[in-house]
Amino acid sequence: MRRRPTGAALAIPAWVWLLLFFVAPVLMVVWFSFGYKPGIFGTHANDILSFDRYVEAMSPTFFSTFQNTLWVGVIGTILCFLIGAPVAYWMAFKVKPERRGILIALVLVPFWTNFLVRTIGWQVILSPEGAVSEFLQAIGLIGGPLDILYSRTAVLIGVVYNYLPLMILPLFVAFDRVGPALREASKDLGAGTVATFFRVTLPLSQPGIIAGVLLVFIPLMGDYITATVLGGAKGNMVGQLVASQFQTAQNWALGSAMAVVLMLVITLTIAVAGLIVWLVSLPFRRRNRLVLGPAAAPAGAVPAPAVKTPAEVNS
């Protein structure tokens, strides 16, 4: 008889993929970060190990650039959630099931186009001679050409557009799994639409919210294409510094140290945000906790006789 593969054996391809294309490259970057640039034409050397590259990575330029990156990452993630949550809610609860496939396809349309191409498209749209600038001048909202290209605002618009589908899809799946039965039961018990959303739909959709926030925040913090195309000098992000060290300066050790610092700070930011959310939601979880006590006997009911143990009967 053939032996059936166990669950661990079925996971071997995924583990091999993660080890080869995730763990090994990350360990290589960490190893390079302890080295140095050997010369003008060299990229890295690890015969002498030190933390000097980390000291260089924490320069004032890197610190100010990281502050800008963190601001764009946090605000961009919040905007993606504020825009994506109503869209996902509408798709899950207000749209007929036979039409949801079309809307999901429309959400995925941007991913059918190259990331760089659609970012360059926003460069054309936001340019002073673009259609948006001409329209705003025609209706009298601005008195001159639009001047937001190559700024942090342009980068924020670009990242929200590029990463918004990554927020909508997990939220849609989470809202769709709630189902109409629980919402109808909540309304039958006297809760309104707003109370049902905040006390039933939103708590049950928490895994989808967490997945959407992570899918948007983590790649957004390392994005350098949007910042390069739309930001210029005013919208510089850490991803640009890391890429410039690898591609232009050919200093792989310093670039690796910057990448490691970026990964650590992203992990720390997520941990702090999770702790804050947990502390804020703790009083609400305690208030909504249901404690079952002994059932009260109805009025006029005769209490049941106590059942004695054999030891009590013998005594």
C-alpha atoms as a PDB file:
ATOM      1  CA  MET A   1       0.000   0.000   0.000  1.00  0.00           C
ATOM      2  CA  ARG A   2       1.229   3.455  -0.868  1.00  0.00           C
ATOM      3  CA  ARG A   3       1.839   5.681   2.082  1.00  0.00           C
ATOM      4  CA  ARG A   4      -0.117   8.870   2.037  1.00  0.00           C
ATOM      5  CA  PRO A   5       2.014  12.021   2.338  1.00  0.00           C
ATOM      6  CA  THR A   6       1.707  13.719   5.675  1.00  0.00           C
ATOM      7  CA  GLY A   7       0.831  17.359   6.132  1.00  0.00           C
ATOM      8  CA  ALA A   8       4.471  18.241   6.824  1.00  0.00           C
ATOM      9  CA  ALA A   9       5.577  16.638   3.528  1.00  0.00           C
ATOM     10  CA  LEU A  10       3.003  18.671   1.603  1.00  0.00           C
ATOM     11  CA  ALA A  11       4.508  21.845   3.070  1.00  0.00           C
ATOM     12  CA  ILE A  12       8.056  21.024   1.949  1.00  0.00           C
ATOM     13  CA  PRO A  13       7.837  22.941  -1.388  1.00  0.00           C
ATOM     14  CA  ALA A  14       6.681  26.089   0.420  1.00  0.00           C
ATOM     15  CA  TRP A  15       9.470  25.803   3.009  1.00  0.00           C
ATOM     16  CA  VAL A  16      12.090  25.263   0.304  1.00  0.00           C
ATOM     17  CA  TRP A  17      10.797  28.301  -1.590  1.00  0.00           C
ATOM     18  CA  LEU A  18      10.907  30.485   1.562  1.00  0.00           C
ATOM     19  CA  LEU A  19      14.402  29.303   2.486  1.00  0.00           C
ATOM     20  CA  LEU A  20      15.851  29.886  -0.993  1.00  0.00           C
ATOM     21  CA  PHE A  21      14.134  33.144  -1.924  1.00  0.00           C
ATOM     22  CA  PHE A  22      13.484  34.815   1.450  1.00  0.00           C
ATOM     23  CA  VAL A  23      15.600  33.533   4.337  1.00  0.00           C
ATOM     24  CA  ALA A  24      18.830  33.116   2.329  1.00  0.00           C
ATOM     25  CA  PRO A  25      18.705  36.606   0.718  1.00  0.00           C
ATOM     26  CA  VAL A  26      17.897  38.266   4.061  1.00  0.00           C
ATOM     27  CA  LEU A  27      20.781  36.461   5.767  1.00  0.00           C
ATOM     28  CA  MET A  28      23.062  37.502   2.917  1.00  0.00           C
ATOM     29  CA  VAL A  29      22.052  41.145   3.344  1.00  0.00           C
ATOM     30  CA  VAL A  30      22.701  40.905   7.096  1.00  0.00           C
ATOM     31  CA  TRP A  31      26.122  39.379   6.410  1.00  0.00           C
ATOM     32  CA  PHE A  32      27.050  42.125   3.944  1.00  0.00           C
ATOM     33  CA  SER A  33      26.021  44.792   6.460  1.00  0.00           C
ATOM     34  CA  PHE A  34      28.959  43.869   8.722  1.00  0.00           C
ATOM     35  CA  GLY A  35      31.497  44.340   5.924  1.00  0.00           C
ATOM     36  CA  TYR A  36      32.883  47.363   4.105  1.00  0.00           C
ATOM     37  CA  LYS A  37      33.557  48.744   0.633  1.00  0.00           C
ATOM     38  CA  PRO A  38      37.117  47.616  -0.259  1.00  0.00           C
ATOM     39  CA  GLY A  39      37.874  50.227  -2.895  1.00  0.00           C
ATOM     40  CA  ILE A  40      36.611  52.354  -5.738  1.00  0.00           C
ATOM     41  CA  PHE A  41      35.778  49.386  -7.955  1.00  0.00           C
ATOM     42  CA  GLY A  42      34.827  46.943  -5.179  1.00  0.00           C
ATOM     43  CA  THR A  43      31.313  46.371  -3.898  1.00  0.00           C
ATOM     44  CA  HIS A  44      31.821  44.609  -0.564  1.00  0.00           C
ATOM     45  CA  ALA A  45      34.270  42.696   1.577  1.00  0.00           C
ATOM     46  CA  ASN A  46      33.759  40.793   4.830  1.00  0.00           C
ATOM     47  CA  ASP A  47      37.289  39.945   5.942  1.00  0.00           C
ATOM     48  CA  ILE A  48      36.908  42.578   8.690  1.00  0.00           C
ATOM     49  CA  LEU A  49      33.573  42.605  10.501  1.00  0.00           C
ATOM     50  CA  SER A  50      32.269  45.655  12.361  1.00  0.00           C
ATOM     51  CA  PHE A  51      29.202  47.767  13.111  1.00  0.00           C
ATOM     52  CA  ASP A  52      30.649  50.812  11.352  1.00  0.00           C
ATOM     53  CA  ARG A  53      28.157  50.628   8.491  1.00  0.00           C
ATOM     54  CA  TYR A  54      25.272  50.854  10.944  1.00  0.00           C
ATOM     55  CA  VAL A  55      26.822  53.994  12.420  1.00  0.00           C
ATOM     56  CA  GLU A  56      27.026  55.463   8.906  1.00  0.00           C
ATOM     57  CA  ALA A  57      23.453  54.378   8.178  1.00  0.00           C
ATOM     58  CA  MET A  58      22.154  56.363  11.158  1.00  0.00           C
ATOM     59  CA  SER A  59      23.405  59.644   9.727  1.00  0.00           C
ATOM     60  CA  PRO A  60      21.188  62.766   9.886  1.00  0.00           C
ATOM     61  CA  THR A  61      20.363  62.378   6.188  1.00  0.00           C
ATOM     62  CA  PHE A  62      19.120  58.828   6.695  1.00  0.00           C
ATOM     63  CA  PHE A  63      17.195  59.815   9.837  1.00  0.00           C
ATOM     64  CA  SER A  64      15.347  62.695   8.146  1.00  0.00           C
ATOM     65  CA  THR A  65      14.617  60.537   5.108  1.00  0.00           C
ATOM     66  CA  PHE A  66      13.271  57.795   7.328  1.00  0.00           C
ATOM     67  CA  GLN A  67      10.986  60.278   9.089  1.00  0.00           C
ATOM     68  CA  ASN A  68       9.554  61.219   5.701  1.00  0.00           C
ATOM     69  CA  THR A  69       9.218  57.537   4.777  1.00  0.00           C
ATOM     70  CA  LEU A  70       7.422  56.708   8.022  1.00  0.00           C
ATOM     71  CA  TRP A  71       5.061  59.661   7.537  1.00  0.00           C
ATOM     72  CA  VAL A  72       4.197  58.564   3.987  1.00  0.00           C
ATOM     73  CA  GLY A  73       3.815  54.939   5.108  1.00  0.00           C
ATOM     74  CA  VAL A  74       1.486  55.652   8.035  1.00  0.00           C
ATOM     75  CA  ILE A  75      -0.647  58.286   6.282  1.00  0.00           C
ATOM     76  CA  GLY A  76      -0.780  56.242   3.081  1.00  0.00           C
ATOM     77  CA  THR A  77      -1.931  53.140   4.967  1.00  0.00           C
ATOM     78  CA  ILE A  78      -4.595  55.121   6.842  1.00  0.00           C
ATOM     79  CA  LEU A  79      -5.871  56.673   3.600  1.00  0.00           C
ATOM     80  CA  CYS A  80      -5.972  53.269   1.913  1.00  0.00           C
ATOM     81  CA  PHE A  81      -8.076  51.940   4.795  1.00  0.00           C
ATOM     82  CA  LEU A  82     -10.419  54.935   4.864  1.00  0.00           C
ATOM     83  CA  ILE A  83     -10.965  54.681   1.104  1.00  0.00           C
ATOM     84  CA  GLY A  84     -10.899  50.896   0.798  1.00  0.00           C
ATOM     85  CA  ALA A  85     -13.164  49.998   3.746  1.00  0.00           C
ATOM     86  CA  PRO A  86     -16.344  51.663   2.345  1.00  0.00           C
ATOM     87  CA  VAL A  87     -15.647  50.175  -1.101  1.00  0.00           C
ATOM     88  CA  ALA A  88     -15.156  46.687   0.334  1.00  0.00           C
ATOM     89  CA  TYR A  89     -18.262  47.039   2.533  1.00  0.00           C
ATOM     90  CA  TRP A  90     -20.342  48.132  -0.449  1.00  0.00           C
ATOM     91  CA  MET A  91     -19.054  45.243  -2.578  1.00  0.00           C
ATOM     92  CA  ALA A  92     -19.712  42.669   0.159  1.00  0.00           C
ATOM     93  CA  PHE A  93     -23.134  43.801   1.412  1.00  0.00           C
ATOM     94  CA  LYS A  94     -24.782  46.087  -1.125  1.00  0.00           C
ATOM     95  CA  VAL A  95     -23.845  44.564  -4.487  1.00  0.00           C
ATOM     96  CA  LYS A  96     -25.635  41.520  -5.846  1.00  0.00           C
ATOM     97  CA  PRO A  97     -23.500  38.352  -5.782  1.00  0.00           C
ATOM     98  CA  GLU A  98     -23.603  37.917  -9.549  1.00  0.00           C
ATOM     99  CA  ARG A  99     -22.013  41.366 -10.040  1.00  0.00           C
ATOM    100  CA  ARG A 100     -19.223  41.074  -7.489  1.00  0.00           C
ATOM    101  CA  GLY A 101     -16.921  39.252  -9.893  1.00  0.00           C
ATOM    102  CA  ILE A 102     -16.982  42.210 -12.277  1.00  0.00           C
ATOM    103  CA  LEU A 103     -16.146  44.656  -9.498  1.00  0.00           C
ATOM    104  CA  ILE A 104     -13.298  42.473  -8.220  1.00  0.00           C
ATOM    105  CA  ALA A 105     -11.908  42.356 -11.756  1.00  0.00           C
ATOM    106  CA  LEU A 106     -12.070  46.160 -11.939  1.00  0.00           C
ATOM    107  CA  VAL A 107     -10.163  46.410  -8.658  1.00  0.00           C
ATOM    108  CA  LEU A 108      -7.477  44.108 -10.080  1.00  0.00           C
ATOM    109  CA  VAL A 109      -7.149  46.009 -13.380  1.00  0.00           C
ATOM    110  CA  PRO A 110      -4.246  48.200 -12.124  1.00  0.00           C
ATOM    111  CA  PHE A 111      -2.208  45.055 -11.417  1.00  0.00           C
ATOM    112  CA  TRP A 112      -2.465  44.116 -15.091  1.00  0.00           C
ATOM    113  CA  THR A 113      -0.302  47.145 -15.884  1.00  0.00           C
ATOM    114  CA  ASN A 114       3.358  47.493 -14.997  1.00  0.00           C
ATOM    115  CA  PHE A 115       3.961  49.282 -11.667  1.00  0.00           C
ATOM    116  CA  LEU A 116       6.394  51.751 -13.246  1.00  0.00           C
ATOM    117  CA  VAL A 117       4.096  52.505 -16.186  1.00  0.00           C
ATOM    118  CA  ARG A 118       1.098  53.411 -14.064  1.00  0.00           C
ATOM    119  CA  THR A 119       3.295  55.528 -11.771  1.00  0.00           C
ATOM    120  CA  ILE A 120       4.596  57.441 -14.786  1.00  0.00           C
ATOM    121  CA  GLY A 121       0.959  57.914 -15.762  1.00  0.00           C
ATOM    122  CA  TRP A 122       0.435  59.847 -12.532  1.00  0.00           C
ATOM    123  CA  GLN A 123       3.492  61.928 -13.391  1.00  0.00           C
ATOM    124  CA  VAL A 124       1.708  62.996 -16.570  1.00  0.00           C
ATOM    125  CA  ILE A 125      -1.592  63.615 -14.748  1.00  0.00           C
ATOM    126  CA  LEU A 126      -0.069  65.728 -11.958  1.00  0.00           C
ATOM    127  CA  SER A 127       2.256  67.748 -14.173  1.00  0.00           C
ATOM    128  CA  PRO A 128       1.625  71.523 -14.441  1.00  0.00           C
ATOM    129  CA  GLU A 129       0.577  71.003 -18.066  1.00  0.00           C
ATOM    130  CA  GLY A 130      -1.570  67.940 -17.285  1.00  0.00           C
ATOM    131  CA  ALA A 131      -5.314  67.459 -17.540  1.00  0.00           C
ATOM    132  CA  VAL A 132      -5.905  67.950 -13.809  1.00  0.00           C
ATOM    133  CA  SER A 133      -4.061  71.254 -13.782  1.00  0.00           C
ATOM    134  CA  GLU A 134      -5.960  72.544 -16.815  1.00  0.00           C
ATOM    135  CA  PHE A 135      -9.312  71.427 -15.357  1.00  0.00           C
ATOM    136  CA  LEU A 136      -8.703  73.095 -11.977  1.00  0.00           C
ATOM    137  CA  GLN A 137      -7.643  76.314 -13.702  1.00  0.00           C
ATOM    138  CA  ALA A 138     -10.690  76.190 -15.990  1.00  0.00           C
ATOM    139  CA  ILE A 139     -13.154  75.992 -13.085  1.00  0.00           C
ATOM    140  CA  GLY A 140     -11.267  78.660 -11.131  1.00  0.00           C
ATOM    141  CA  LEU A 141     -10.034  76.601  -8.160  1.00  0.00           C
ATOM    142  CA  ILE A 142      -6.394  77.526  -8.773  1.00  0.00           C
ATOM    143  CA  GLY A 143      -4.976  80.630 -10.339  1.00  0.00           C
ATOM    144  CA  GLY A 144      -1.935  79.033 -11.963  1.00  0.00           C
ATOM    145  CA  PRO A 145      -0.474  75.675 -12.991  1.00  0.00           C
ATOM    146  CA  LEU A 146      -0.745  72.846 -10.485  1.00  0.00           C
ATOM    147  CA  ASP A 147       2.436  72.630  -8.412  1.00  0.00           C
ATOM    148  CA  ILE A 148       2.340  69.326  -6.504  1.00  0.00           C
ATOM    149  CA  LEU A 149       4.547  67.186  -8.734  1.00  0.00           C
ATOM    150  CA  TYR A 150       7.883  66.215  -7.190  1.00  0.00           C
ATOM    151  CA  SER A 151       6.583  66.668  -3.670  1.00  0.00           C
ATOM    152  CA  ARG A 152       5.526  64.509  -0.747  1.00  0.00           C
ATOM    153  CA  THR A 153       1.871  65.057  -1.683  1.00  0.00           C
ATOM    154  CA  ALA A 154       2.441  63.569  -5.125  1.00  0.00           C
ATOM    155  CA  VAL A 155       4.177  60.564  -3.555  1.00  0.00           C
ATOM    156  CA  LEU A 156       1.218  60.096  -1.199  1.00  0.00           C
ATOM    157  CA  ILE A 157      -1.241  60.166  -4.109  1.00  0.00           C
ATOM    158  CA  GLY A 158       0.859  57.647  -6.007  1.00  0.00           C
ATOM    159  CA  VAL A 159       1.230  55.154  -3.178  1.00  0.00           C
ATOM    160  CA  VAL A 160      -2.474  55.292  -2.303  1.00  0.00           C
ATOM    161  CA  TYR A 161      -3.350  54.562  -5.930  1.00  0.00           C
ATOM    162  CA  ASN A 162      -0.786  51.760  -6.273  1.00  0.00           C
ATOM    163  CA  TYR A 163      -1.545  49.967  -2.987  1.00  0.00           C
ATOM    164  CA  LEU A 164      -5.284  50.556  -2.606  1.00  0.00           C
ATOM    165  CA  PRO A 165      -6.270  47.193  -4.200  1.00  0.00           C
ATOM    166  CA  LEU A 166      -4.129  45.393  -1.599  1.00  0.00           C
ATOM    167  CA  MET A 167      -6.399  46.915   1.061  1.00  0.00           C
ATOM    168  CA  ILE A 168      -9.731  46.404  -0.701  1.00  0.00           C
ATOM    169  CA  LEU A 169      -9.368  42.675  -1.447  1.00  0.00           C
ATOM    170  CA  PRO A 170      -8.637  41.426   2.133  1.00  0.00           C
ATOM    171  CA  LEU A 171     -11.349  43.686   3.531  1.00  0.00           C
ATOM    172  CA  PHE A 172     -13.858  42.412   0.969  1.00  0.00           C
ATOM    173  CA  VAL A 173     -13.084  38.790   1.884  1.00  0.00           C
ATOM    174  CA  ALA A 174     -13.395  39.578   5.598  1.00  0.00           C
ATOM    175  CA  PHE A 175     -16.707  41.426   5.196  1.00  0.00           C
ATOM    176  CA  ASP A 176     -18.079  38.749   2.902  1.00  0.00           C
ATOM    177  CA  ARG A 177     -17.384  36.017   5.485  1.00  0.00           C
ATOM    178  CA  VAL A 178     -19.467  37.789   8.126  1.00  0.00           C
ATOM    179  CA  GLY A 179     -22.654  36.849   6.294  1.00  0.00           C
ATOM    180  CA  PRO A 180     -26.115  38.399   6.499  1.00  0.00           C
ATOM    181  CA  ALA A 181     -27.385  36.084   9.253  1.00  0.00           C
ATOM    182  CA  LEU A 182     -25.266  37.639  12.020  1.00  0.00           C
ATOM    183  CA  ARG A 183     -26.122  41.174  10.954  1.00  0.00           C
ATOM    184  CA  GLU A 184     -29.830  40.353  10.840  1.00  0.00           C
ATOM    185  CA  ALA A 185     -29.611  38.748  14.293  1.00  0.00           C
ATOM    186  CA  SER A 186     -27.941  41.894  15.626  1.00  0.00           C
ATOM    187  CA  LYS A 187     -30.693  44.078  14.198  1.00  0.00           C
ATOM    188  CA  ASP A 188     -33.361  41.739  15.613  1.00  0.00           C
ATOM    189  CA  LEU A 189     -31.835  42.245  19.052  1.00  0.00           C
ATOM    190  CA  GLY A 190     -32.266  46.019  18.740  1.00  0.00           C
ATOM    191  CA  ALA A 191     -28.935  47.175  17.325  1.00  0.00           C
ATOM    192  CA  GLY A 192     -28.977  49.765  14.567  1.00  0.00           C
ATOM    193  CA  THR A 193     -26.858  49.795  11.420  1.00  0.00           C
ATOM    194  CA  VAL A 194     -24.002  51.714  13.021  1.00  0.00           C
ATOM    195  CA  ALA A 195     -23.994  49.588  16.195  1.00  0.00           C
ATOM    196  CA  THR A 196     -24.095  46.407  14.119  1.00  0.00           C
ATOM    197  CA  PHE A 197     -21.104  47.548  12.091  1.00  0.00           C
ATOM    198  CA  PHE A 198     -18.944  48.484  15.095  1.00  0.00           C
ATOM    199  CA  ARG A 199     -19.975  45.612  17.407  1.00  0.00           C
ATOM    200  CA  VAL A 200     -20.458  42.735  14.953  1.00  0.00           C
ATOM    201  CA  THR A 201     -19.078  43.355  11.469  1.00  0.00           C
ATOM    202  CA  LEU A 202     -15.871  45.192  12.394  1.00  0.00           C
ATOM    203  CA  PRO A 203     -14.709  42.802  15.184  1.00  0.00           C
ATOM    204  CA  LEU A 204     -15.347  39.740  13.020  1.00  0.00           C
ATOM    205  CA  SER A 205     -13.450  41.403  10.149  1.00  0.00           C
ATOM    206  CA  GLN A 206     -10.344  42.037  12.251  1.00  0.00           C
ATOM    207  CA  PRO A 207      -8.170  39.379  10.486  1.00  0.00           C
ATOM    208  CA  GLY A 208      -8.895  40.970   7.110  1.00  0.00           C
ATOM    209  CA  ILE A 209      -8.120  44.445   8.458  1.00  0.00           C
ATOM    210  CA  ILE A 210      -4.784  43.257   9.851  1.00  0.00           C
ATOM    211  CA  ALA A 211      -3.928  41.519   6.571  1.00  0.00           C
ATOM    212  CA  GLY A 212      -4.799  44.625   4.541  1.00  0.00           C
ATOM    213  CA  VAL A 213      -2.753  46.931   6.777  1.00  0.00           C
ATOM    214  CA  LEU A 214       0.297  44.649   6.590  1.00  0.00           C
ATOM    215  CA  LEU A 215      -0.010  44.140   2.818  1.00  0.00           C
ATOM    216  CA  VAL A 216      -0.038  47.911   2.321  1.00  0.00           C
ATOM    217  CA  PHE A 217       2.325  49.203   5.011  1.00  0.00           C
ATOM    218  CA  ILE A 218       5.256  46.794   4.584  1.00  0.00           C
ATOM    219  CA  PRO A 219       5.832  47.154   0.802  1.00  0.00           C
ATOM    220  CA  LEU A 220       4.969  50.856   0.951  1.00  0.00           C
ATOM    221  CA  MET A 221       7.804  51.510   3.403  1.00  0.00           C
ATOM    222  CA  GLY A 222      10.298  49.957   0.984  1.00  0.00           C
ATOM    223  CA  ASP A 223       8.882  51.499  -2.179  1.00  0.00           C
ATOM    224  CA  TYR A 224      11.340  53.632  -4.133  1.00  0.00           C
ATOM    225  CA  ILE A 225       9.793  53.675  -7.616  1.00  0.00           C
ATOM    226  CA  THR A 226       6.912  55.957  -6.622  1.00  0.00           C
ATOM    227  CA  ALA A 227       9.225  58.278  -4.712  1.00  0.00           C
ATOM    228  CA  THR A 228      11.697  58.427  -7.614  1.00  0.00           C
ATOM    229  CA  VAL A 229       9.065  59.155 -10.267  1.00  0.00           C
ATOM    230  CA  LEU A 230       6.743  61.479  -8.315  1.00  0.00           C
ATOM    231  CA  GLY A 231       8.761  62.738  -5.361  1.00  0.00           C
ATOM    232  CA  GLY A 232      12.038  64.080  -6.585  1.00  0.00           C
ATOM    233  CA  ALA A 233      14.188  65.652  -3.872  1.00  0.00           C
ATOM    234  CA  LYS A 234      11.214  66.660  -1.688  1.00  0.00           C
ATOM    235  CA  GLY A 235       9.657  63.193  -1.593  1.00  0.00           C
ATOM    236  CA  ASN A 236      12.810  61.166  -0.943  1.00  0.00           C
ATOM    237  CA  MET A 237      12.275  57.820   0.808  1.00  0.00           C
ATOM    238  CA  VAL A 238      14.551  55.237   2.407  1.00  0.00           C
ATOM    239  CA  GLY A 239      14.082  52.837  -0.494  1.00  0.00           C
ATOM    240  CA  GLN A 240      15.798  55.346  -2.773  1.00  0.00           C
ATOM    241  CA  LEU A 241      18.815  55.564  -0.441  1.00  0.00           C
ATOM    242  CA  VAL A 242      19.135  51.781  -0.298  1.00  0.00           C
ATOM    243  CA  ALA A 243      18.806  51.437  -4.068  1.00  0.00           C
ATOM    244  CA  SER A 244      21.356  54.203  -4.687  1.00  0.00           C
ATOM    245  CA  GLN A 245      23.919  52.481  -2.467  1.00  0.00           C
ATOM    246  CA  PHE A 246      23.557  49.233  -4.405  1.00  0.00           C
ATOM    247  CA  GLN A 247      23.225  50.656  -7.937  1.00  0.00           C
ATOM    248  CA  THR A 248      25.062  53.992  -7.991  1.00  0.00           C
ATOM    249  CA  ALA A 249      27.567  54.085  -5.112  1.00  0.00           C
ATOM    250  CA  GLN A 250      28.256  50.319  -5.352  1.00  0.00           C
ATOM    251  CA  ASN A 251      28.538  50.242  -1.567  1.00  0.00           C
ATOM    252  CA  TRP A 252      26.726  47.025  -0.794  1.00  0.00           C
ATOM    253  CA  ALA A 253      27.773  47.035   2.866  1.00  0.00           C
ATOM    254  CA  LEU A 254      26.218  50.427   3.615  1.00  0.00           C
ATOM    255  CA  GLY A 255      23.150  49.617   1.524  1.00  0.00           C
ATOM    256  CA  SER A 256      22.715  46.344   3.416  1.00  0.00           C
ATOM    257  CA  ALA A 257      23.007  48.129   6.759  1.00  0.00           C
ATOM    258  CA  MET A 258      20.331  50.618   5.681  1.00  0.00           C
ATOM    259  CA  ALA A 259      18.093  47.754   4.556  1.00  0.00           C
ATOM    260  CA  VAL A 260      18.527  45.920   7.879  1.00  0.00           C
ATOM    261  CA  VAL A 261      17.734  49.085   9.840  1.00  0.00           C
ATOM    262  CA  LEU A 262      14.647  49.620   7.682  1.00  0.00           C
ATOM    263  CA  MET A 263      13.437  46.053   8.309  1.00  0.00           C
ATOM    264  CA  LEU A 264      13.979  46.383  12.052  1.00  0.00           C
ATOM    265  CA  VAL A 265      12.147  49.688  12.261  1.00  0.00           C
ATOM    266  CA  ILE A 266       9.231  48.334  10.202  1.00  0.00           C
ATOM    267  CA  THR A 267       8.976  45.363  12.567  1.00  0.00           C
ATOM    268  CA  LEU A 268       9.171  47.647  15.606  1.00  0.00           C
ATOM    269  CA  THR A 269       6.526  49.997  14.184  1.00  0.00           C
ATOM    270  CA  ILE A 270       4.139  47.099  13.548  1.00  0.00           C
ATOM    271  CA  ALA A 271       4.731  45.730  17.051  1.00  0.00           C
ATOM    272  CA  VAL A 272       4.104  49.125  18.683  1.00  0.00           C
ATOM    273  CA  ALA A 273       0.972  49.693  16.582  1.00  0.00           C
ATOM    274  CA  GLY A 274      -0.332  46.237  17.504  1.00  0.00           C
ATOM    275  CA  LEU A 275       0.318  46.894  21.194  1.00  0.00           C
ATOM    276  CA  ILE A 276      -1.509  50.237  21.035  1.00  0.00           C
ATOM    277  CA  VAL A 277      -4.507  48.660  19.293  1.00  0.00           C
ATOM    278  CA  TRP A 278      -4.584  45.845  21.858  1.00  0.00           C
ATOM    279  CA  LEU A 279      -4.474  48.274  24.791  1.00  0.00           C
ATOM    280  CA  VAL A 280      -7.169  50.502  23.287  1.00  0.00           C
ATOM    281  CA  SER A 281      -9.500  47.583  22.546  1.00  0.00           C
ATOM    282  CA  LEU A 282      -8.972  45.886  25.928  1.00  0.00           C
ATOM    283  CA  PRO A 283     -11.690  47.864  27.807  1.00  0.00           C
ATOM    284  CA  PHE A 284     -14.185  47.181  25.010  1.00  0.00           C
ATOM    285  CA  ARG A 285     -13.467  43.452  25.100  1.00  0.00           C
ATOM    286  CA  ARG A 286     -13.986  43.347  28.868  1.00  0.00           C
ATOM    287  CA  ARG A 287     -17.220  45.313  28.600  1.00  0.00           C
ATOM    288  CA  ASN A 288     -18.604  43.009  25.911  1.00  0.00           C
ATOM    289  CA  ARG A 289     -17.595  39.821  27.746  1.00  0.00           C
ATOM    290  CA  LEU A 290     -20.601  37.665  28.629  1.00  0.00           C
ATOM    291  CA  VAL A 291     -20.544  35.858  31.988  1.00  0.00           C
ATOM    292  CA  LEU A 292     -23.122  33.111  32.469  1.00  0.00           C
ATOM    293  CA  GLY A 293     -24.393  32.624  36.002  1.00  0.00           C
ATOM    294  CA  PRO A 294     -26.860  30.151  37.487  1.00  0.00           C
ATOM    295  CA  ALA A 295     -30.319  30.354  35.971  1.00  0.00           C
ATOM    296  CA  ALA A 296     -32.901  31.975  38.202  1.00  0.00           C
ATOM    297  CA  ALA A 297     -35.887  29.805  39.140  1.00  0.00           C
ATOM    298  CA  PRO A 298     -39.241  31.095  37.854  1.00  0.00           C
ATOM    299  CA  ALA A 299     -41.690  32.559  40.348  1.00  0.00           C
ATOM    300  CA  GLY A 300     -43.785  29.942  42.156  1.00  0.00           C
ATOM    301  CA  ALA A 301     -41.594  27.031  41.131  1.00  0.00           C
ATOM    302  CA  VAL A 302     -40.902  24.307  43.704  1.00  0.00           C
ATOM    303  CA  PRO A 303     -37.151  23.787  44.158  1.00  0.00           C
ATOM    304  CA  ALA A 304     -35.904  20.327  43.288  1.00  0.00           C
ATOM    305  CA  PRO A 305     -34.938  18.135  46.252  1.00  0.00           C
ATOM    306  CA  ALA A 306     -31.251  17.921  46.926  1.00  0.00           C
ATOM    307  CA  VAL A 307     -29.646  14.635  45.921  1.00  0.00           C
ATOM    308  CA  LYS A 308     -27.694  13.088  48.792  1.00  0.00           C
ATOM    309  CA  THR A 309     -24.493  11.164  48.337  1.00  0.00           C
ATOM    310  CA  PRO A 310     -24.192   7.558  49.671  1.00  0.00           C
ATOM    311  CA  ALA A 311     -22.017   8.792  52.537  1.00  0.00           C
ATOM    312  CA  GLU A 312     -24.665  11.265  53.648  1.00  0.00           C
ATOM    313  CA  VAL A 313     -27.350   8.542  53.491  1.00  0.00           C
ATOM    314  CA  ASN A 314     -25.299   6.150  55.693  1.00  0.00           C
ATOM    315  CA  SER A 315     -24.658   8.881  58.237  1.00  0.00           C
END
